[in-house]
Amino acid sequence: MIVLSAKRLPAAERRGSILDAALTVLSGEGYAGMTTARLARSIGVTEPILYRHFSSKRAILRALLNEVIPRMMAAFRELVEKETDPVAALRRICRAYPELSRCYEREFRVINQALVQANDPTTRKILARHYDTYRIFLQNLIEKGQRNGVLRRDIPATTGAWHIIHSALGFLMTQPIRMKAQSLKDFEQLTDATLSGLLKTT
């Protein structure tokens, strides 16, 4: 029998190390592929130590989502914090997806995998709250563009926001089977296609 020994860490630090390890395992193997035994081994602790901080594997997923979701929203807000033109802000958000998906690959994978795999009400509420926060963020930009007369008023801002979210999800979900190298021009055209229905043409 192998006995694992681990340096005693403050509770908050140990909890953080567990979540960081879970982020790596979940993004690579998915929820079904992550066991508490494997997670414990990856950070050199026993399962009982893991259960001191989290009651179950599902509790780890929920805690991780509650940590990575604000991180992602902060990244989106930082993209446009100095941009006064709402259309330029929306373009910047859309065009940033390839780079964001590289910088935050693990976070995106965990969120998207949870969206597909999670079937318990509590986890789905966390995901719903995330996407609603993102929807409101985009909706506010679209409403600003409508007030400025550069975006169509006949399309509800909430519909436009969900359209962008759906396009982004499609991009992220299909990344593993897309060509790795895409020119900037190709992605600019994809962004134009996503936003063209919202732009006012007359």
N, C-alpha and C. Protein backbone atom coordinates (compact mmCIF):
# COMPACT_ATOMS: atom_id res chain seq x y z
N MET A 1 0.85 -1.19 0.00
CA MET A 1 0.00 0.00 0.00
C MET A 1 0.88 1.23 0.00
N ILE A 2 0.57 2.17 -0.90
CA ILE A 2 1.34 3.40 -0.99
C ILE A 2 0.67 4.47 -0.14
N VAL A 3 1.44 5.06 0.74
CA VAL A 3 0.91 6.11 1.59
C VAL A 3 1.43 7.44 1.07
N LEU A 4 0.51 8.31 0.71
CA LEU A 4 0.89 9.61 0.20
C LEU A 4 1.11 10.56 1.36
N SER A 5 2.13 11.34 1.26
CA SER A 5 2.34 12.38 2.26
C SER A 5 2.33 13.73 1.56
N ALA A 6 1.79 14.70 2.20
CA ALA A 6 1.71 16.02 1.59
C ALA A 6 1.99 17.06 2.64
N LYS A 7 2.66 18.10 2.21
CA LYS A 7 2.92 19.21 3.11
C LYS A 7 1.60 19.80 3.57
N ARG A 8 1.50 20.06 4.85
CA ARG A 8 0.27 20.66 5.37
C ARG A 8 0.19 22.11 4.90
N LEU A 9 -0.90 22.44 4.25
CA LEU A 9 -1.10 23.79 3.72
C LEU A 9 -2.28 24.44 4.40
N PRO A 10 -2.30 25.76 4.46
CA PRO A 10 -3.50 26.46 4.93
C PRO A 10 -4.70 26.03 4.09
N ALA A 11 -5.89 26.04 4.67
CA ALA A 11 -7.08 25.52 3.99
C ALA A 11 -7.32 26.19 2.64
N ALA A 12 -7.19 27.52 2.59
CA ALA A 12 -7.46 28.23 1.34
C ALA A 12 -6.45 27.85 0.26
N GLU A 13 -5.19 27.66 0.67
CA GLU A 13 -4.15 27.29 -0.29
C GLU A 13 -4.37 25.86 -0.79
N ARG A 14 -4.75 24.96 0.12
CA ARG A 14 -5.01 23.59 -0.29
C ARG A 14 -6.21 23.54 -1.23
N ARG A 15 -7.24 24.29 -0.90
CA ARG A 15 -8.43 24.33 -1.75
C ARG A 15 -8.06 24.83 -3.15
N GLY A 16 -7.23 25.86 -3.20
CA GLY A 16 -6.80 26.39 -4.49
C GLY A 16 -6.01 25.38 -5.29
N SER A 17 -5.16 24.61 -4.62
CA SER A 17 -4.36 23.60 -5.33
C SER A 17 -5.25 22.49 -5.89
N ILE A 18 -6.31 22.16 -5.16
CA ILE A 18 -7.25 21.14 -5.63
C ILE A 18 -7.98 21.64 -6.88
N LEU A 19 -8.43 22.88 -6.84
CA LEU A 19 -9.17 23.42 -7.98
C LEU A 19 -8.27 23.59 -9.20
N ASP A 20 -7.02 23.96 -8.98
CA ASP A 20 -6.11 24.10 -10.11
C ASP A 20 -5.85 22.74 -10.76
N ALA A 21 -5.69 21.72 -9.93
CA ALA A 21 -5.51 20.38 -10.47
C ALA A 21 -6.77 19.90 -11.18
N ALA A 22 -7.93 20.21 -10.62
CA ALA A 22 -9.19 19.83 -11.25
C ALA A 22 -9.37 20.51 -12.60
N LEU A 23 -8.92 21.75 -12.70
CA LEU A 23 -9.01 22.46 -13.97
C LEU A 23 -8.23 21.73 -15.05
N THR A 24 -7.04 21.26 -14.71
CA THR A 24 -6.22 20.53 -15.67
C THR A 24 -6.85 19.19 -16.04
N VAL A 25 -7.29 18.44 -15.04
CA VAL A 25 -7.85 17.11 -15.30
C VAL A 25 -9.18 17.22 -16.05
N LEU A 26 -10.06 18.11 -15.62
CA LEU A 26 -11.36 18.25 -16.27
C LEU A 26 -11.23 18.71 -17.72
N SER A 27 -10.34 19.66 -17.96
CA SER A 27 -10.19 20.17 -19.33
C SER A 27 -9.63 19.11 -20.26
N GLY A 28 -8.85 18.18 -19.70
CA GLY A 28 -8.27 17.14 -20.53
C GLY A 28 -9.10 15.89 -20.67
N GLU A 29 -9.75 15.49 -19.58
CA GLU A 29 -10.46 14.22 -19.56
C GLU A 29 -11.98 14.35 -19.46
N GLY A 30 -12.46 15.54 -19.13
CA GLY A 30 -13.90 15.71 -18.95
C GLY A 30 -14.34 15.26 -17.58
N TYR A 31 -15.60 15.52 -17.28
CA TYR A 31 -16.12 15.20 -15.95
C TYR A 31 -16.10 13.70 -15.69
N ALA A 32 -16.49 12.93 -16.70
CA ALA A 32 -16.52 11.47 -16.52
C ALA A 32 -15.13 10.90 -16.28
N GLY A 33 -14.10 11.54 -16.85
CA GLY A 33 -12.75 11.03 -16.72
C GLY A 33 -12.04 11.43 -15.45
N MET A 34 -12.63 12.34 -14.70
CA MET A 34 -12.00 12.79 -13.45
C MET A 34 -12.55 12.01 -12.27
N THR A 35 -11.69 11.32 -11.57
CA THR A 35 -12.08 10.66 -10.33
C THR A 35 -11.40 11.37 -9.18
N THR A 36 -12.01 11.28 -8.01
CA THR A 36 -11.39 11.92 -6.85
C THR A 36 -10.06 11.25 -6.51
N ALA A 37 -9.94 9.95 -6.77
CA ALA A 37 -8.68 9.25 -6.51
C ALA A 37 -7.57 9.79 -7.40
N ARG A 38 -7.88 9.97 -8.67
CA ARG A 38 -6.88 10.49 -9.61
C ARG A 38 -6.51 11.92 -9.25
N LEU A 39 -7.51 12.71 -8.90
CA LEU A 39 -7.27 14.10 -8.54
C LEU A 39 -6.38 14.19 -7.30
N ALA A 40 -6.67 13.37 -6.31
CA ALA A 40 -5.87 13.35 -5.08
C ALA A 40 -4.42 12.98 -5.39
N ARG A 41 -4.23 11.97 -6.22
CA ARG A 41 -2.87 11.55 -6.57
C ARG A 41 -2.11 12.66 -7.29
N SER A 42 -2.81 13.41 -8.12
CA SER A 42 -2.13 14.44 -8.93
C SER A 42 -1.55 15.55 -8.07
N ILE A 43 -2.06 15.73 -6.86
CA ILE A 43 -1.51 16.77 -5.99
C ILE A 43 -0.86 16.18 -4.74
N GLY A 44 -0.73 14.85 -4.72
CA GLY A 44 0.00 14.20 -3.65
C GLY A 44 -0.70 14.18 -2.31
N VAL A 45 -2.02 14.01 -2.33
CA VAL A 45 -2.76 13.90 -1.08
C VAL A 45 -3.64 12.66 -1.13
N THR A 46 -4.25 12.33 -0.01
CA THR A 46 -5.18 11.21 0.04
C THR A 46 -6.59 11.72 -0.23
N GLU A 47 -7.47 10.81 -0.60
CA GLU A 47 -8.86 11.21 -0.85
C GLU A 47 -9.52 11.82 0.39
N PRO A 48 -9.28 11.31 1.59
CA PRO A 48 -9.89 11.95 2.77
C PRO A 48 -9.54 13.42 2.90
N ILE A 49 -8.30 13.79 2.52
CA ILE A 49 -7.93 15.21 2.55
C ILE A 49 -8.75 15.99 1.54
N LEU A 50 -8.96 15.39 0.37
CA LEU A 50 -9.79 16.02 -0.66
C LEU A 50 -11.20 16.28 -0.13
N TYR A 51 -11.74 15.29 0.56
CA TYR A 51 -13.12 15.40 1.05
C TYR A 51 -13.25 16.34 2.24
N ARG A 52 -12.14 16.75 2.82
CA ARG A 52 -12.22 17.78 3.86
C ARG A 52 -12.62 19.13 3.26
N HIS A 53 -12.29 19.30 1.99
CA HIS A 53 -12.54 20.59 1.33
C HIS A 53 -13.77 20.55 0.41
N PHE A 54 -14.07 19.38 -0.15
CA PHE A 54 -15.19 19.26 -1.07
C PHE A 54 -15.93 17.96 -0.78
N SER A 55 -17.23 18.02 -0.76
CA SER A 55 -18.03 16.86 -0.37
C SER A 55 -18.12 15.80 -1.47
N SER A 56 -17.88 16.20 -2.73
CA SER A 56 -18.04 15.26 -3.83
C SER A 56 -17.33 15.80 -5.07
N LYS A 57 -17.25 14.94 -6.08
CA LYS A 57 -16.70 15.37 -7.37
C LYS A 57 -17.56 16.48 -7.97
N ARG A 58 -18.85 16.38 -7.83
CA ARG A 58 -19.75 17.40 -8.36
C ARG A 58 -19.52 18.73 -7.66
N ALA A 59 -19.25 18.68 -6.36
CA ALA A 59 -18.98 19.92 -5.61
C ALA A 59 -17.70 20.58 -6.12
N ILE A 60 -16.72 19.77 -6.52
CA ILE A 60 -15.48 20.32 -7.08
C ILE A 60 -15.77 21.03 -8.39
N LEU A 61 -16.58 20.41 -9.25
CA LEU A 61 -16.94 21.03 -10.52
C LEU A 61 -17.65 22.36 -10.29
N ARG A 62 -18.60 22.38 -9.37
CA ARG A 62 -19.34 23.62 -9.11
C ARG A 62 -18.41 24.72 -8.60
N ALA A 63 -17.52 24.36 -7.68
CA ALA A 63 -16.59 25.35 -7.14
C ALA A 63 -15.67 25.87 -8.24
N LEU A 64 -15.25 24.98 -9.13
CA LEU A 64 -14.37 25.38 -10.22
C LEU A 64 -15.09 26.32 -11.18
N LEU A 65 -16.33 26.01 -11.51
CA LEU A 65 -17.10 26.90 -12.38
C LEU A 65 -17.26 28.27 -11.74
N ASN A 66 -17.53 28.29 -10.44
CA ASN A 66 -17.69 29.58 -9.75
C ASN A 66 -16.40 30.38 -9.72
N GLU A 67 -15.28 29.70 -9.93
CA GLU A 67 -13.99 30.40 -9.96
C GLU A 67 -13.62 30.85 -11.37
N VAL A 68 -13.79 29.98 -12.36
CA VAL A 68 -13.32 30.31 -13.71
C VAL A 68 -14.28 31.22 -14.46
N ILE A 69 -15.56 31.17 -14.15
CA ILE A 69 -16.52 32.00 -14.86
C ILE A 69 -16.25 33.49 -14.65
N PRO A 70 -16.06 33.97 -13.42
CA PRO A 70 -15.72 35.39 -13.25
C PRO A 70 -14.40 35.76 -13.94
N ARG A 71 -13.46 34.81 -13.99
CA ARG A 71 -12.19 35.04 -14.68
C ARG A 71 -12.42 35.31 -16.16
N MET A 72 -13.31 34.54 -16.77
CA MET A 72 -13.61 34.73 -18.18
C MET A 72 -14.33 36.05 -18.43
N MET A 73 -15.30 36.38 -17.58
CA MET A 73 -16.03 37.63 -17.76
C MET A 73 -15.10 38.83 -17.59
N ALA A 74 -14.15 38.73 -16.67
CA ALA A 74 -13.19 39.82 -16.48
C ALA A 74 -12.35 40.02 -17.75
N ALA A 75 -12.00 38.92 -18.41
CA ALA A 75 -11.22 39.01 -19.64
C ALA A 75 -12.02 39.71 -20.74
N PHE A 76 -13.30 39.41 -20.86
CA PHE A 76 -14.14 40.06 -21.86
C PHE A 76 -14.29 41.56 -21.56
N ARG A 77 -14.52 41.89 -20.31
CA ARG A 77 -14.70 43.29 -19.94
C ARG A 77 -13.42 44.09 -20.17
N GLU A 78 -12.29 43.46 -19.89
CA GLU A 78 -11.01 44.15 -20.09
C GLU A 78 -10.78 44.47 -21.57
N LEU A 79 -11.30 43.63 -22.45
CA LEU A 79 -11.13 43.86 -23.89
C LEU A 79 -11.72 45.19 -24.34
N VAL A 80 -12.81 45.60 -23.73
CA VAL A 80 -13.55 46.75 -24.25
C VAL A 80 -13.65 47.90 -23.25
N GLU A 81 -12.90 47.85 -22.18
CA GLU A 81 -13.06 48.86 -21.13
C GLU A 81 -12.75 50.27 -21.62
N LYS A 82 -11.88 50.41 -22.62
CA LYS A 82 -11.52 51.75 -23.13
C LYS A 82 -12.15 52.04 -24.49
N GLU A 83 -13.02 51.16 -24.95
CA GLU A 83 -13.64 51.32 -26.27
C GLU A 83 -14.98 52.02 -26.13
N THR A 84 -15.13 53.17 -26.77
CA THR A 84 -16.37 53.94 -26.66
C THR A 84 -17.36 53.61 -27.79
N ASP A 85 -16.87 53.07 -28.89
CA ASP A 85 -17.73 52.72 -30.02
C ASP A 85 -18.28 51.31 -29.80
N PRO A 86 -19.61 51.16 -29.65
CA PRO A 86 -20.16 49.83 -29.36
C PRO A 86 -19.93 48.81 -30.47
N VAL A 87 -19.95 49.24 -31.73
CA VAL A 87 -19.72 48.31 -32.83
C VAL A 87 -18.26 47.83 -32.80
N ALA A 88 -17.35 48.77 -32.57
CA ALA A 88 -15.94 48.39 -32.47
C ALA A 88 -15.72 47.45 -31.29
N ALA A 89 -16.44 47.69 -30.20
CA ALA A 89 -16.33 46.81 -29.03
C ALA A 89 -16.80 45.40 -29.36
N LEU A 90 -17.94 45.30 -30.05
CA LEU A 90 -18.46 43.98 -30.43
C LEU A 90 -17.51 43.27 -31.39
N ARG A 91 -16.94 44.01 -32.33
CA ARG A 91 -15.96 43.40 -33.24
C ARG A 91 -14.74 42.90 -32.47
N ARG A 92 -14.29 43.70 -31.52
CA ARG A 92 -13.12 43.31 -30.74
C ARG A 92 -13.38 42.02 -29.96
N ILE A 93 -14.58 41.92 -29.40
CA ILE A 93 -14.94 40.72 -28.65
C ILE A 93 -14.95 39.49 -29.56
N CYS A 94 -15.61 39.62 -30.72
CA CYS A 94 -15.69 38.49 -31.64
C CYS A 94 -14.31 38.07 -32.15
N ARG A 95 -13.49 39.07 -32.51
CA ARG A 95 -12.17 38.75 -33.07
C ARG A 95 -11.20 38.24 -32.02
N ALA A 96 -11.53 38.45 -30.77
CA ALA A 96 -10.63 38.01 -29.70
C ALA A 96 -10.79 36.53 -29.37
N TYR A 97 -11.84 35.90 -29.87
CA TYR A 97 -12.10 34.52 -29.48
C TYR A 97 -10.95 33.55 -29.77
N PRO A 98 -10.30 33.61 -30.94
CA PRO A 98 -9.19 32.67 -31.16
C PRO A 98 -8.09 32.82 -30.12
N GLU A 99 -7.70 34.07 -29.81
CA GLU A 99 -6.64 34.28 -28.83
C GLU A 99 -7.10 33.91 -27.43
N LEU A 100 -8.33 34.30 -27.09
CA LEU A 100 -8.86 33.94 -25.77
C LEU A 100 -8.96 32.42 -25.61
N SER A 101 -9.35 31.74 -26.68
CA SER A 101 -9.47 30.29 -26.60
C SER A 101 -8.13 29.61 -26.42
N ARG A 102 -7.05 30.30 -26.82
CA ARG A 102 -5.71 29.76 -26.58
C ARG A 102 -5.24 30.09 -25.16
N CYS A 103 -5.45 31.34 -24.75
CA CYS A 103 -4.98 31.77 -23.43
C CYS A 103 -5.75 31.10 -22.29
N TYR A 104 -7.04 30.89 -22.53
CA TYR A 104 -7.90 30.32 -21.50
C TYR A 104 -8.49 28.99 -21.98
N GLU A 105 -7.65 28.19 -22.60
CA GLU A 105 -8.12 26.93 -23.19
C GLU A 105 -8.77 26.03 -22.15
N ARG A 106 -8.13 25.87 -20.99
CA ARG A 106 -8.66 24.98 -19.96
C ARG A 106 -10.01 25.49 -19.45
N GLU A 107 -10.08 26.80 -19.20
CA GLU A 107 -11.33 27.37 -18.67
C GLU A 107 -12.48 27.20 -19.65
N PHE A 108 -12.24 27.50 -20.93
CA PHE A 108 -13.28 27.35 -21.94
C PHE A 108 -13.75 25.90 -22.02
N ARG A 109 -12.79 24.97 -21.98
CA ARG A 109 -13.16 23.56 -22.09
C ARG A 109 -14.02 23.10 -20.92
N VAL A 110 -13.66 23.53 -19.72
CA VAL A 110 -14.44 23.12 -18.55
C VAL A 110 -15.85 23.66 -18.63
N ILE A 111 -16.00 24.93 -19.00
CA ILE A 111 -17.33 25.52 -19.10
C ILE A 111 -18.15 24.82 -20.17
N ASN A 112 -17.55 24.61 -21.33
CA ASN A 112 -18.29 23.99 -22.43
C ASN A 112 -18.61 22.52 -22.16
N GLN A 113 -17.69 21.80 -21.53
CA GLN A 113 -17.96 20.42 -21.18
C GLN A 113 -19.08 20.32 -20.16
N ALA A 114 -19.07 21.25 -19.20
CA ALA A 114 -20.13 21.25 -18.19
C ALA A 114 -21.48 21.56 -18.84
N LEU A 115 -21.46 22.43 -19.84
CA LEU A 115 -22.70 22.77 -20.55
C LEU A 115 -23.30 21.53 -21.20
N VAL A 116 -22.46 20.66 -21.72
CA VAL A 116 -22.92 19.46 -22.41
C VAL A 116 -23.22 18.33 -21.43
N GLN A 117 -22.36 18.17 -20.41
CA GLN A 117 -22.42 16.98 -19.55
C GLN A 117 -23.23 17.16 -18.27
N ALA A 118 -23.29 18.39 -17.76
CA ALA A 118 -23.94 18.59 -16.46
C ALA A 118 -25.45 18.44 -16.58
N ASN A 119 -26.03 17.62 -15.70
CA ASN A 119 -27.48 17.43 -15.76
C ASN A 119 -28.15 17.65 -14.41
N ASP A 120 -27.39 18.12 -13.42
CA ASP A 120 -28.02 18.39 -12.14
C ASP A 120 -28.43 19.86 -12.08
N PRO A 121 -29.54 20.17 -11.42
CA PRO A 121 -30.09 21.54 -11.42
C PRO A 121 -29.13 22.60 -10.89
N THR A 122 -28.36 22.28 -9.85
CA THR A 122 -27.48 23.28 -9.25
C THR A 122 -26.37 23.71 -10.22
N THR A 123 -25.75 22.73 -10.87
CA THR A 123 -24.69 23.06 -11.83
C THR A 123 -25.25 23.83 -13.01
N ARG A 124 -26.43 23.43 -13.47
CA ARG A 124 -27.02 24.12 -14.61
C ARG A 124 -27.41 25.56 -14.24
N LYS A 125 -27.76 25.79 -13.00
CA LYS A 125 -28.05 27.16 -12.56
C LYS A 125 -26.80 28.03 -12.61
N ILE A 126 -25.66 27.44 -12.24
CA ILE A 126 -24.39 28.18 -12.32
C ILE A 126 -24.10 28.55 -13.77
N LEU A 127 -24.28 27.59 -14.68
CA LEU A 127 -24.05 27.85 -16.10
C LEU A 127 -25.04 28.87 -16.65
N ALA A 128 -26.30 28.75 -16.25
CA ALA A 128 -27.31 29.71 -16.71
C ALA A 128 -26.97 31.12 -16.26
N ARG A 129 -26.47 31.23 -15.01
CA ARG A 129 -26.09 32.54 -14.49
C ARG A 129 -24.92 33.11 -15.29
N HIS A 130 -23.97 32.25 -15.65
CA HIS A 130 -22.83 32.70 -16.46
C HIS A 130 -23.29 33.24 -17.80
N TYR A 131 -24.07 32.45 -18.52
CA TYR A 131 -24.47 32.88 -19.86
C TYR A 131 -25.41 34.08 -19.81
N ASP A 132 -26.18 34.20 -18.75
CA ASP A 132 -27.05 35.36 -18.63
C ASP A 132 -26.21 36.62 -18.36
N THR A 133 -25.16 36.48 -17.57
CA THR A 133 -24.26 37.60 -17.34
C THR A 133 -23.58 38.04 -18.64
N TYR A 134 -23.14 37.07 -19.41
CA TYR A 134 -22.52 37.35 -20.71
C TYR A 134 -23.54 37.97 -21.66
N ARG A 135 -24.77 37.45 -21.64
CA ARG A 135 -25.83 38.00 -22.49
C ARG A 135 -26.10 39.47 -22.15
N ILE A 136 -26.18 39.80 -20.86
CA ILE A 136 -26.42 41.18 -20.43
C ILE A 136 -25.26 42.08 -20.86
N PHE A 137 -24.04 41.58 -20.73
CA PHE A 137 -22.85 42.33 -21.15
C PHE A 137 -22.94 42.70 -22.63
N LEU A 138 -23.25 41.73 -23.48
CA LEU A 138 -23.38 41.99 -24.91
C LEU A 138 -24.61 42.83 -25.23
N GLN A 139 -25.69 42.54 -24.53
CA GLN A 139 -26.94 43.27 -24.76
C GLN A 139 -26.75 44.76 -24.50
N ASN A 140 -26.01 45.11 -23.46
CA ASN A 140 -25.77 46.51 -23.15
C ASN A 140 -25.01 47.21 -24.27
N LEU A 141 -24.04 46.51 -24.87
CA LEU A 141 -23.31 47.08 -25.99
C LEU A 141 -24.22 47.27 -27.20
N ILE A 142 -25.08 46.29 -27.46
CA ILE A 142 -25.99 46.38 -28.60
C ILE A 142 -26.99 47.50 -28.39
N GLU A 143 -27.52 47.62 -27.19
CA GLU A 143 -28.47 48.70 -26.90
C GLU A 143 -27.82 50.07 -27.06
N LYS A 144 -26.56 50.19 -26.69
CA LYS A 144 -25.84 51.44 -26.89
C LYS A 144 -25.73 51.75 -28.38
N GLY A 145 -25.43 50.73 -29.18
CA GLY A 145 -25.36 50.91 -30.63
C GLY A 145 -26.70 51.28 -31.23
N GLN A 146 -27.78 50.71 -30.68
CA GLN A 146 -29.12 51.08 -31.15
C GLN A 146 -29.45 52.52 -30.82
N ARG A 147 -29.08 52.95 -29.62
CA ARG A 147 -29.32 54.35 -29.23
C ARG A 147 -28.51 55.31 -30.09
N ASN A 148 -27.31 54.87 -30.50
CA ASN A 148 -26.46 55.71 -31.34
C ASN A 148 -26.85 55.67 -32.81
N GLY A 149 -27.81 54.81 -33.15
CA GLY A 149 -28.28 54.73 -34.52
C GLY A 149 -27.41 53.93 -35.46
N VAL A 150 -26.51 53.11 -34.94
CA VAL A 150 -25.62 52.33 -35.81
C VAL A 150 -26.02 50.85 -35.87
N LEU A 151 -26.90 50.43 -34.97
CA LEU A 151 -27.38 49.05 -34.98
C LEU A 151 -28.89 49.04 -35.11
N ARG A 152 -29.39 47.99 -35.75
CA ARG A 152 -30.82 47.89 -36.03
C ARG A 152 -31.65 47.82 -34.75
N ARG A 153 -32.76 48.57 -34.76
CA ARG A 153 -33.67 48.56 -33.61
C ARG A 153 -34.74 47.48 -33.75
N ASP A 154 -34.94 46.96 -34.98
CA ASP A 154 -36.00 45.98 -35.18
C ASP A 154 -35.60 44.58 -34.68
N ILE A 155 -34.32 44.40 -34.39
CA ILE A 155 -33.86 43.15 -33.79
C ILE A 155 -33.64 43.40 -32.31
N PRO A 156 -34.36 42.72 -31.42
CA PRO A 156 -34.17 42.95 -29.99
C PRO A 156 -32.71 42.73 -29.59
N ALA A 157 -32.23 43.58 -28.71
CA ALA A 157 -30.83 43.49 -28.28
C ALA A 157 -30.54 42.14 -27.65
N THR A 158 -31.50 41.58 -26.93
CA THR A 158 -31.27 40.27 -26.30
C THR A 158 -31.11 39.18 -27.35
N THR A 159 -31.85 39.29 -28.46
CA THR A 159 -31.71 38.32 -29.55
C THR A 159 -30.32 38.43 -30.19
N GLY A 160 -29.88 39.67 -30.41
CA GLY A 160 -28.55 39.88 -30.96
C GLY A 160 -27.46 39.33 -30.06
N ALA A 161 -27.64 39.51 -28.75
CA ALA A 161 -26.65 39.01 -27.80
C ALA A 161 -26.57 37.49 -27.84
N TRP A 162 -27.73 36.84 -27.87
CA TRP A 162 -27.73 35.37 -27.93
C TRP A 162 -27.15 34.87 -29.25
N HIS A 163 -27.37 35.62 -30.33
CA HIS A 163 -26.79 35.22 -31.61
C HIS A 163 -25.27 35.19 -31.54
N ILE A 164 -24.68 36.20 -30.91
CA ILE A 164 -23.22 36.25 -30.76
C ILE A 164 -22.74 35.10 -29.88
N ILE A 165 -23.46 34.83 -28.79
CA ILE A 165 -23.09 33.73 -27.90
C ILE A 165 -23.15 32.40 -28.64
N HIS A 166 -24.21 32.19 -29.42
CA HIS A 166 -24.34 30.94 -30.17
C HIS A 166 -23.20 30.79 -31.19
N SER A 167 -22.84 31.89 -31.85
CA SER A 167 -21.74 31.85 -32.82
C SER A 167 -20.43 31.50 -32.12
N ALA A 168 -20.21 32.11 -30.95
CA ALA A 168 -18.98 31.85 -30.20
C ALA A 168 -18.92 30.40 -29.74
N LEU A 169 -20.05 29.89 -29.25
CA LEU A 169 -20.09 28.49 -28.81
C LEU A 169 -19.80 27.55 -29.98
N GLY A 170 -20.37 27.86 -31.13
CA GLY A 170 -20.12 27.04 -32.31
C GLY A 170 -18.64 27.03 -32.66
N PHE A 171 -18.01 28.21 -32.59
CA PHE A 171 -16.58 28.29 -32.88
C PHE A 171 -15.77 27.45 -31.90
N LEU A 172 -16.07 27.61 -30.61
CA LEU A 172 -15.30 26.90 -29.58
C LEU A 172 -15.52 25.40 -29.63
N MET A 173 -16.77 24.98 -29.86
CA MET A 173 -17.09 23.56 -29.88
C MET A 173 -16.45 22.85 -31.07
N THR A 174 -16.26 23.57 -32.17
CA THR A 174 -15.71 22.94 -33.37
C THR A 174 -14.20 23.14 -33.51
N GLN A 175 -13.59 23.84 -32.56
CA GLN A 175 -12.15 24.08 -32.64
C GLN A 175 -11.33 22.80 -32.82
N PRO A 176 -11.64 21.71 -32.09
CA PRO A 176 -10.80 20.52 -32.23
C PRO A 176 -10.78 19.93 -33.64
N ILE A 177 -11.80 20.20 -34.45
CA ILE A 177 -11.83 19.62 -35.79
C ILE A 177 -11.59 20.67 -36.87
N ARG A 178 -11.31 21.90 -36.47
CA ARG A 178 -11.01 22.94 -37.44
C ARG A 178 -9.52 22.93 -37.73
N MET A 179 -9.16 23.55 -38.85
CA MET A 179 -7.74 23.70 -39.16
C MET A 179 -7.11 24.59 -38.10
N LYS A 180 -5.94 24.23 -37.63
CA LYS A 180 -5.29 24.98 -36.57
C LYS A 180 -4.86 26.37 -37.04
N ALA A 181 -4.38 26.44 -38.25
CA ALA A 181 -3.90 27.72 -38.76
C ALA A 181 -4.98 28.39 -39.57
N GLN A 182 -5.46 29.53 -39.09
CA GLN A 182 -6.44 30.31 -39.82
C GLN A 182 -5.91 31.73 -39.94
N SER A 183 -6.05 32.30 -41.11
CA SER A 183 -5.55 33.65 -41.30
C SER A 183 -6.43 34.65 -40.58
N LEU A 184 -5.85 35.79 -40.25
CA LEU A 184 -6.61 36.86 -39.61
C LEU A 184 -7.76 37.29 -40.50
N LYS A 185 -7.52 37.29 -41.81
CA LYS A 185 -8.57 37.70 -42.75
C LYS A 185 -9.76 36.75 -42.67
N ASP A 186 -9.50 35.44 -42.55
CA ASP A 186 -10.58 34.47 -42.45
C ASP A 186 -11.44 34.75 -41.23
N PHE A 187 -10.79 35.05 -40.12
CA PHE A 187 -11.57 35.26 -38.91
C PHE A 187 -12.28 36.61 -38.92
N GLU A 188 -11.70 37.59 -39.58
CA GLU A 188 -12.39 38.88 -39.74
C GLU A 188 -13.68 38.68 -40.52
N GLN A 189 -13.63 37.82 -41.54
CA GLN A 189 -14.84 37.54 -42.32
C GLN A 189 -15.88 36.82 -41.48
N LEU A 190 -15.43 35.92 -40.61
CA LEU A 190 -16.35 35.23 -39.71
C LEU A 190 -17.00 36.22 -38.75
N THR A 191 -16.23 37.17 -38.25
CA THR A 191 -16.77 38.21 -37.38
C THR A 191 -17.79 39.06 -38.12
N ASP A 192 -17.47 39.46 -39.35
CA ASP A 192 -18.40 40.26 -40.15
C ASP A 192 -19.71 39.52 -40.38
N ALA A 193 -19.61 38.22 -40.63
CA ALA A 193 -20.81 37.42 -40.85
C ALA A 193 -21.67 37.37 -39.59
N THR A 194 -21.01 37.31 -38.42
CA THR A 194 -21.76 37.25 -37.16
C THR A 194 -22.48 38.55 -36.87
N LEU A 195 -21.83 39.68 -37.20
CA LEU A 195 -22.39 40.99 -36.83
C LEU A 195 -23.22 41.64 -37.94
N SER A 196 -23.14 41.11 -39.15
CA SER A 196 -23.77 41.79 -40.28
C SER A 196 -25.27 41.96 -40.11
N GLY A 197 -25.92 40.99 -39.48
CA GLY A 197 -27.36 41.11 -39.31
C GLY A 197 -27.79 42.19 -38.34
N LEU A 198 -26.87 42.64 -37.50
CA LEU A 198 -27.19 43.68 -36.51
C LEU A 198 -26.92 45.08 -37.02
N LEU A 199 -26.03 45.21 -38.04
CA LEU A 199 -25.64 46.52 -38.49
C LEU A 199 -26.75 47.22 -39.26
N LYS A 200 -26.88 48.50 -39.03
CA LYS A 200 -27.89 49.30 -39.74
C LYS A 200 -27.33 49.66 -41.10
N THR A 201 -28.08 49.37 -42.14
CA THR A 201 -27.56 49.58 -43.51
C THR A 201 -28.12 50.82 -44.18
N THR A 202 -29.16 51.40 -43.63
CA THR A 202 -29.74 52.59 -44.23
C THR A 202 -29.89 53.69 -43.21
